[in-house]
Amino acid sequence: MRNLVYYVAVSLDGYIAGPGGEYDFYPHDPDMLSVINGETPEFVPTFVREQVGMPVGEPNKRFDTVLMGRGSYEPGLAVGATNPYAHLTQYVVSSTLSQADYPEVTIVDGDPLELVRKLKQDEGADIWLCGGGTLAAALLGEIDEMIIKSYPVVAGGGISAFTGEFSPTLFVPTRRVEFGTGAQATWFRRA
């Protein structure tokens, strides 16, 4: 069975983005990017691969599908990238975007939980949950793993990593790497 893996950056106070969706307050850590991108090149958007020294055709290693909310899709749209992860099958959960306007991705205006359960039953590699916090909270019961990049910065407000109902869910750390900037990458598995 395929795993649903939530990969996201968080501040010390648990925010994945600022109130306006900004994420440029995270300190740049090239060592962290080297480790994460080396192990999972799927996380690098197709349209920036050449800029970061990665071949556009770099093969996928673990994932073949990405699922994101509208807020996670919009940064790509802001720079004209309607097909940000062309190397993956892309699903965007949104009740306001029109499939006709974004034919390179599949717009999901229904229940994301139903979609994930179906995807997990299909053949294929793992599914990357790109964000955001509301979608992650809705799918918490289906998240098998998390890869959390935590940065030594307090945001003070913004979009939480999980924005939903109170639902304590235990995960166990399986690996942690600390970098020179104080940033850490931690891999978690559902307990």
Protein backbone atom coordinates (compact mmCIF):
# COMPACT_ATOMS: atom_id res chain seq x y z
CA MET A 1 0.00 0.00 0.00
CA ARG A 2 1.16 3.52 -0.78
CA ASN A 3 2.03 5.90 2.07
CA LEU A 4 0.81 9.46 2.47
CA VAL A 5 3.81 11.56 3.54
CA TYR A 6 3.45 15.14 4.80
CA TYR A 7 6.62 17.09 3.96
CA VAL A 8 6.65 20.64 5.24
CA ALA A 9 8.77 23.37 6.79
CA VAL A 10 7.76 24.73 10.20
CA SER A 11 8.81 27.52 12.50
CA LEU A 12 9.53 26.95 16.19
CA ASP A 13 5.95 27.96 16.95
CA GLY A 14 4.45 25.55 14.43
CA TYR A 15 3.68 27.77 11.44
CA ILE A 16 4.29 26.71 7.85
CA ALA A 17 3.73 30.18 6.43
CA GLY A 18 2.97 33.71 7.52
CA PRO A 19 -0.53 35.22 7.55
CA GLY A 20 -0.25 36.12 3.86
CA GLY A 21 1.20 32.75 2.83
CA GLU A 22 4.79 34.03 2.95
CA TYR A 23 7.57 31.57 3.71
CA ASP A 24 10.65 33.64 2.87
CA PHE A 25 11.38 34.17 6.58
CA TYR A 26 12.92 30.70 6.83
CA PRO A 27 16.73 30.91 6.86
CA HIS A 28 18.28 29.44 3.71
CA ASP A 29 20.17 26.23 4.50
CA PRO A 30 21.97 24.78 1.47
CA ASP A 31 23.15 21.73 3.44
CA MET A 32 19.57 20.81 4.34
CA LEU A 33 18.44 21.27 0.75
CA SER A 34 21.30 19.08 -0.43
CA VAL A 35 20.28 16.23 1.88
CA ILE A 36 16.53 16.46 1.27
CA ASN A 37 16.78 17.08 -2.48
CA GLY A 38 19.35 14.31 -2.87
CA GLU A 39 17.07 11.77 -1.22
CA THR A 40 13.78 13.02 -2.62
CA PRO A 41 14.29 15.07 -5.79
CA GLU A 42 10.51 14.97 -6.28
CA PHE A 43 10.18 17.87 -3.80
CA VAL A 44 11.93 20.27 -6.20
CA PRO A 45 9.48 21.99 -8.57
CA THR A 46 10.12 21.15 -12.20
CA PHE A 47 10.40 24.81 -13.20
CA VAL A 48 13.28 25.54 -10.76
CA ARG A 49 15.33 22.37 -11.18
CA GLU A 50 17.86 23.86 -13.59
CA GLN A 51 18.27 26.91 -11.32
CA VAL A 52 19.31 24.68 -8.40
CA GLY A 53 21.63 22.54 -10.52
CA MET A 54 19.30 19.56 -10.88
CA PRO A 55 18.54 18.06 -14.28
CA VAL A 56 14.92 18.61 -15.30
CA GLY A 57 14.66 14.88 -16.01
CA GLU A 58 16.03 13.79 -12.61
CA PRO A 59 14.22 10.51 -11.89
CA ASN A 60 11.76 10.21 -9.04
CA LYS A 61 13.02 8.08 -6.17
CA ARG A 62 10.06 7.69 -3.83
CA PHE A 63 6.96 9.62 -4.93
CA ASP A 64 4.86 9.70 -8.09
CA THR A 65 1.96 11.81 -6.81
CA VAL A 66 1.59 15.16 -5.04
CA LEU A 67 -1.50 16.45 -3.25
CA MET A 68 -1.79 20.11 -2.28
CA GLY A 69 -4.32 22.67 -1.23
CA ARG A 70 -4.95 25.84 -3.20
CA GLY A 71 -2.67 27.87 -0.91
CA SER A 72 0.24 25.52 -1.66
CA TYR A 73 -0.49 25.69 -5.39
CA GLU A 74 -0.68 29.50 -5.54
CA PRO A 75 3.07 30.33 -5.18
CA GLY A 76 3.66 28.52 -8.46
CA LEU A 77 0.74 30.31 -10.07
CA ALA A 78 2.20 33.64 -8.95
CA VAL A 79 5.24 32.99 -11.17
CA GLY A 80 3.24 31.49 -14.04
CA ALA A 81 3.82 27.82 -13.16
CA THR A 82 0.46 26.15 -13.63
CA ASN A 83 2.23 22.77 -13.77
CA PRO A 84 4.72 23.09 -10.88
CA TYR A 85 5.50 19.39 -10.43
CA ALA A 86 5.27 18.11 -13.98
CA HIS A 87 7.30 15.06 -12.95
CA LEU A 88 4.44 13.94 -10.64
CA THR A 89 0.71 13.34 -10.92
CA GLN A 90 -0.70 16.50 -9.33
CA TYR A 91 -3.93 16.95 -7.37
CA VAL A 92 -5.03 20.37 -6.10
CA VAL A 93 -7.84 20.45 -3.54
CA SER A 94 -9.93 23.55 -4.21
CA SER A 95 -13.57 24.50 -4.40
CA THR A 96 -12.79 27.70 -6.32
CA LEU A 97 -10.37 26.71 -9.10
CA SER A 98 -11.78 25.47 -12.39
CA GLN A 99 -10.42 22.32 -14.01
CA ALA A 100 -10.80 23.98 -17.43
CA ASP A 101 -8.37 26.75 -16.36
CA TYR A 102 -5.69 24.33 -15.05
CA PRO A 103 -5.63 21.26 -17.30
CA GLU A 104 -2.12 20.18 -16.24
CA VAL A 105 -3.33 19.28 -12.72
CA THR A 106 -6.41 17.53 -11.40
CA ILE A 107 -8.62 19.88 -9.43
CA VAL A 108 -10.41 18.09 -6.58
CA ASP A 109 -13.49 19.90 -5.31
CA GLY A 110 -14.80 16.91 -3.36
CA ASP A 111 -13.72 15.05 -0.25
CA PRO A 112 -9.89 14.84 -0.07
CA LEU A 113 -10.15 11.95 2.40
CA GLU A 114 -12.00 9.85 -0.16
CA LEU A 115 -9.38 10.73 -2.79
CA VAL A 116 -6.46 9.73 -0.56
CA ARG A 117 -8.06 6.44 0.40
CA LYS A 118 -8.56 5.64 -3.28
CA LEU A 119 -5.00 6.68 -4.20
CA LYS A 120 -3.58 4.50 -1.44
CA GLN A 121 -5.35 1.47 -2.95
CA ASP A 122 -4.03 2.18 -6.46
CA GLU A 123 -0.69 0.87 -7.68
CA GLY A 124 2.16 3.33 -7.53
CA ALA A 125 4.79 5.00 -5.41
CA ASP A 126 4.14 7.07 -2.29
CA ILE A 127 1.97 10.20 -2.19
CA TRP A 128 3.44 13.51 -1.07
CA LEU A 129 1.15 15.79 0.90
CA CYS A 130 2.58 19.21 0.07
CA GLY A 131 0.23 21.23 2.28
CA GLY A 132 -1.40 23.27 3.58
CA GLY A 133 -2.42 23.16 7.18
CA THR A 134 -6.17 22.81 6.68
CA LEU A 135 -5.72 19.97 4.20
CA ALA A 136 -3.17 18.26 6.48
CA ALA A 137 -5.61 18.42 9.40
CA ALA A 138 -8.39 16.96 7.25
CA LEU A 139 -6.10 14.10 6.23
CA LEU A 140 -4.40 13.53 9.60
CA GLY A 141 -5.96 10.09 9.98
CA GLU A 142 -4.40 9.00 6.67
CA ILE A 143 -0.89 10.49 7.15
CA ASP A 144 1.57 7.60 7.50
CA GLU A 145 4.78 9.60 7.69
CA MET A 146 6.00 13.16 8.09
CA ILE A 147 9.22 14.85 7.06
CA ILE A 148 9.43 18.06 9.03
CA LYS A 149 12.02 20.72 8.30
CA SER A 150 12.11 22.83 11.48
CA TYR A 151 13.84 26.18 11.46
CA PRO A 152 15.11 28.19 14.45
CA VAL A 153 12.74 31.08 13.86
CA VAL A 154 9.53 32.18 15.57
CA ALA A 155 6.88 33.36 13.11
CA GLY A 156 4.48 34.74 15.71
CA GLY A 157 1.42 33.97 13.58
CA GLY A 158 0.31 32.61 10.27
CA ILE A 159 -0.76 29.27 8.85
CA SER A 160 -0.42 26.37 11.27
CA ALA A 161 1.03 23.02 10.19
CA PHE A 162 -2.34 21.52 11.14
CA THR A 163 -5.39 23.77 11.18
CA GLY A 164 -8.37 21.76 12.35
CA GLU A 165 -10.06 20.06 15.24
CA PHE A 166 -8.23 18.94 18.36
CA SER A 167 -7.05 15.43 17.51
CA PRO A 168 -3.87 14.25 19.30
CA THR A 169 -2.07 11.78 17.06
CA LEU A 170 1.20 10.11 18.04
CA PHE A 171 4.13 9.88 15.65
CA VAL A 172 7.56 8.41 16.41
CA PRO A 173 10.78 10.03 15.16
CA THR A 174 12.82 7.61 13.04
CA ARG A 175 15.67 9.91 11.99
CA ARG A 176 16.90 13.43 12.67
CA VAL A 177 19.63 15.47 11.01
CA GLU A 178 20.77 18.84 12.37
CA PHE A 179 22.42 21.43 10.18
CA GLY A 180 24.87 24.27 10.82
CA THR A 181 22.15 26.93 10.87
CA GLY A 182 20.35 25.12 13.69
CA ALA A 183 17.69 23.85 11.33
CA GLN A 184 16.69 20.21 11.62
CA ALA A 185 15.04 17.66 9.39
CA THR A 186 13.11 14.97 11.25
CA TRP A 187 11.44 11.91 9.78
CA PHE A 188 8.40 10.59 11.68
CA ARG A 189 6.30 7.44 11.33
CA ARG A 190 2.77 7.02 12.68
CA ALA A 191 2.98 5.22 16.04
